[in-house]
Amino acid sequence: MRPAQCAGSAAGTSRRSGTRGARGARIRLDGPEVKLRSSVIQTLALSLHELATNARKGGALATGRGRLAVT
């Protein structure tokens, strides 16, 4: 999801995933397209960043085999 595409328009997250080197996808975002107001994009981005940071520090992504799915 890119903020420039999200402001006041549909933001699709279906079947998008992040990769890390040769290990494959470790973070997966999945769900229907949603319409976001520009005023909520920063809050959503901060929430996803916090989730990923916490997962990396001591959660699922702290190990090499961990995965994070947001659905």
Protein backbone atom coordinates (compact mmCIF):
# COMPACT_ATOMS: atom_id res chain seq x y z
CA MET A 1 0.00 0.00 0.00
CA ARG A 2 1.50 3.31 -1.04
CA PRO A 3 0.19 6.52 0.63
CA ALA A 4 0.02 8.38 -2.69
CA GLN A 5 -2.43 5.80 -3.97
CA CYS A 6 -4.47 5.61 -0.77
CA ALA A 7 -5.48 9.21 -0.18
CA GLY A 8 -9.18 9.40 -0.83
CA SER A 9 -9.23 6.28 -2.97
CA ALA A 10 -9.40 2.52 -2.69
CA ALA A 11 -6.41 0.90 -1.07
CA GLY A 12 -5.96 -2.74 -2.01
CA THR A 13 -4.00 -5.02 0.27
CA SER A 14 -5.07 -8.32 -1.20
CA ARG A 15 -2.24 -10.80 -1.63
CA ARG A 16 0.57 -8.35 -1.06
CA SER A 17 3.57 -9.57 0.88
CA GLY A 18 6.98 -8.36 1.92
CA THR A 19 10.06 -10.41 1.30
CA ARG A 20 13.40 -10.63 2.98
CA GLY A 21 16.16 -12.01 0.83
CA ALA A 22 16.04 -15.65 -0.19
CA ARG A 23 13.93 -16.62 2.81
CA GLY A 24 10.72 -15.68 1.06
CA ALA A 25 7.72 -13.80 2.37
CA ARG A 26 7.77 -13.19 6.11
CA ILE A 27 5.14 -10.46 6.29
CA ARG A 28 1.79 -10.89 4.60
CA LEU A 29 -1.02 -8.36 4.25
CA ASP A 30 -4.28 -9.75 2.97
CA GLY A 31 -7.81 -8.43 2.77
CA PRO A 32 -10.36 -6.58 0.69
CA GLU A 33 -9.86 -3.18 -0.86
CA VAL A 34 -10.83 -0.39 1.48
CA LYS A 35 -11.39 3.29 0.96
CA LEU A 36 -9.26 5.44 3.25
CA ARG A 37 -9.47 9.12 4.02
CA SER A 38 -6.13 10.88 3.87
CA SER A 39 -6.51 11.79 7.56
CA VAL A 40 -6.22 8.12 8.65
CA ILE A 41 -3.33 6.98 6.46
CA GLN A 42 -0.61 8.21 8.80
CA THR A 43 -2.25 6.51 11.79
CA LEU A 44 -2.60 3.23 9.87
CA ALA A 45 1.01 3.39 8.68
CA LEU A 46 2.25 4.05 12.22
CA SER A 47 0.19 1.14 13.55
CA LEU A 48 1.59 -1.27 10.94
CA HIS A 49 5.12 -0.02 11.62
CA GLU A 50 4.66 -0.55 15.37
CA LEU A 51 3.28 -4.05 14.79
CA ALA A 52 6.23 -5.02 12.59
CA THR A 53 8.77 -3.45 14.97
CA ASN A 54 7.36 -5.29 17.99
CA ALA A 55 7.22 -8.56 16.04
CA ARG A 56 10.87 -8.12 15.06
CA LYS A 57 12.08 -7.26 18.56
CA GLY A 58 10.46 -10.06 20.50
CA GLY A 59 7.62 -11.61 18.58
CA ALA A 60 7.15 -13.79 15.54
CA LEU A 61 9.86 -12.11 13.45
CA ALA A 62 12.52 -12.44 16.15
CA THR A 63 13.38 -15.88 14.81
CA GLY A 64 14.44 -16.79 11.31
CA ARG A 65 11.36 -18.93 10.70
CA GLY A 66 8.72 -16.56 12.06
CA ARG A 67 5.93 -15.08 9.96
CA LEU A 68 3.57 -12.13 10.45
CA ALA A 69 0.13 -12.07 8.80
CA VAL A 70 -2.27 -9.14 8.88
CA THR A 71 -5.72 -10.06 7.59
